[in-house]
Amino acid sequence: MDANKKWLSIPKETRSLLKSNVYCSNCKDAVEIKNFTVEDDNLGIVLKGKCKQCGQDVARLIENE
């Protein structure tokens, strides 16, 4: 299964929570990710994008179950 299919297989409410709980090392807090891509990883999928607050690069690993 490709990364995007894995992402879309997660319930919409859960995806929304995951997108709004990404750590930004610049803001030193959990932020919302914007303009993100979904990529495959050995452990699951990775969201890579920008911090909604400051624009810094951020990423979030979502592990396979």
C-alpha atoms as a PDB file:
ATOM      1  CA  MET A   1       0.000   0.000   0.000  1.00  0.00           C
ATOM      2  CA  ASP A   2       1.414   3.392  -0.884  1.00  0.00           C
ATOM      3  CA  ALA A   3       1.846   6.174   1.667  1.00  0.00           C
ATOM      4  CA  ASN A   4      -1.147   8.211   0.491  1.00  0.00           C
ATOM      5  CA  LYS A   5      -3.486   5.203   0.679  1.00  0.00           C
ATOM      6  CA  LYS A   6      -2.238   4.464   4.208  1.00  0.00           C
ATOM      7  CA  TRP A   7      -2.892   8.112   5.160  1.00  0.00           C
ATOM      8  CA  LEU A   8      -6.387   8.082   3.671  1.00  0.00           C
ATOM      9  CA  SER A   9      -7.186   4.792   5.442  1.00  0.00           C
ATOM     10  CA  ILE A  10      -6.894   6.625   8.784  1.00  0.00           C
ATOM     11  CA  PRO A  11     -10.274   8.016   9.926  1.00  0.00           C
ATOM     12  CA  LYS A  12     -10.771  11.689   9.009  1.00  0.00           C
ATOM     13  CA  GLU A  13     -11.066  12.846  12.652  1.00  0.00           C
ATOM     14  CA  THR A  14      -7.808  11.071  13.551  1.00  0.00           C
ATOM     15  CA  ARG A  15      -6.011  12.585  10.532  1.00  0.00           C
ATOM     16  CA  SER A  16      -7.178  16.020  11.671  1.00  0.00           C
ATOM     17  CA  LEU A  17      -5.766  15.417  15.181  1.00  0.00           C
ATOM     18  CA  LEU A  18      -2.459  14.158  13.763  1.00  0.00           C
ATOM     19  CA  LYS A  19      -2.112  17.200  11.472  1.00  0.00           C
ATOM     20  CA  SER A  20      -2.657  19.590  14.394  1.00  0.00           C
ATOM     21  CA  ASN A  21      -0.174  17.824  16.709  1.00  0.00           C
ATOM     22  CA  VAL A  22       3.238  18.150  15.016  1.00  0.00           C
ATOM     23  CA  TYR A  23       6.249  19.335  17.029  1.00  0.00           C
ATOM     24  CA  CYS A  24       8.036  22.446  15.773  1.00  0.00           C
ATOM     25  CA  SER A  25      11.587  22.876  17.105  1.00  0.00           C
ATOM     26  CA  ASN A  26      11.426  26.610  16.362  1.00  0.00           C
ATOM     27  CA  CYS A  27       8.119  27.274  18.184  1.00  0.00           C
ATOM     28  CA  LYS A  28       8.990  24.647  20.840  1.00  0.00           C
ATOM     29  CA  ASP A  29       5.383  23.449  20.782  1.00  0.00           C
ATOM     30  CA  ALA A  30       2.860  21.234  19.020  1.00  0.00           C
ATOM     31  CA  VAL A  31       1.613  23.042  15.912  1.00  0.00           C
ATOM     32  CA  GLU A  32      -0.475  22.405  12.822  1.00  0.00           C
ATOM     33  CA  ILE A  33       1.349  21.196   9.718  1.00  0.00           C
ATOM     34  CA  LYS A  34       0.575  22.838   6.358  1.00  0.00           C
ATOM     35  CA  ASN A  35       1.593  22.190   2.738  1.00  0.00           C
ATOM     36  CA  PHE A  36       2.596  18.640   3.654  1.00  0.00           C
ATOM     37  CA  THR A  37       3.468  15.554   1.659  1.00  0.00           C
ATOM     38  CA  VAL A  38       2.934  11.960   2.773  1.00  0.00           C
ATOM     39  CA  GLU A  39       5.941   9.663   2.396  1.00  0.00           C
ATOM     40  CA  ASP A  40       6.587   5.983   3.088  1.00  0.00           C
ATOM     41  CA  ASP A  41       8.900   5.056   5.953  1.00  0.00           C
ATOM     42  CA  ASN A  42      10.080   1.706   7.349  1.00  0.00           C
ATOM     43  CA  LEU A  43       8.051   2.380  10.493  1.00  0.00           C
ATOM     44  CA  GLY A  44       4.910   3.735   8.778  1.00  0.00           C
ATOM     45  CA  ILE A  45       4.331   7.049   7.017  1.00  0.00           C
ATOM     46  CA  VAL A  46       5.827  10.502   7.490  1.00  0.00           C
ATOM     47  CA  LEU A  47       4.087  13.838   7.031  1.00  0.00           C
ATOM     48  CA  LYS A  48       6.615  16.452   5.871  1.00  0.00           C
ATOM     49  CA  GLY A  49       5.585  20.080   5.604  1.00  0.00           C
ATOM     50  CA  LYS A  50       5.714  23.518   7.180  1.00  0.00           C
ATOM     51  CA  CYS A  51       4.743  24.857  10.608  1.00  0.00           C
ATOM     52  CA  LYS A  52       1.532  26.861  10.290  1.00  0.00           C
ATOM     53  CA  GLN A  53       2.835  29.424  12.800  1.00  0.00           C
ATOM     54  CA  CYS A  54       6.426  30.140  11.701  1.00  0.00           C
ATOM     55  CA  GLY A  55       6.956  28.322   8.386  1.00  0.00           C
ATOM     56  CA  GLN A  56       9.791  26.093   9.685  1.00  0.00           C
ATOM     57  CA  ASP A  57      10.126  22.593   8.178  1.00  0.00           C
ATOM     58  CA  VAL A  58       8.361  20.017  10.376  1.00  0.00           C
ATOM     59  CA  ALA A  59       7.684  16.283  10.140  1.00  0.00           C
ATOM     60  CA  ARG A  60       5.478  13.750  11.916  1.00  0.00           C
ATOM     61  CA  LEU A  61       5.978   9.985  11.915  1.00  0.00           C
ATOM     62  CA  ILE A  62       2.810   7.907  12.035  1.00  0.00           C
ATOM     63  CA  GLU A  63       3.779   4.357  12.927  1.00  0.00           C
ATOM     64  CA  ASN A  64       2.155   1.252  11.485  1.00  0.00           C
ATOM     65  CA  GLU A  65      -0.205  -0.512  13.852  1.00  0.00           C
END
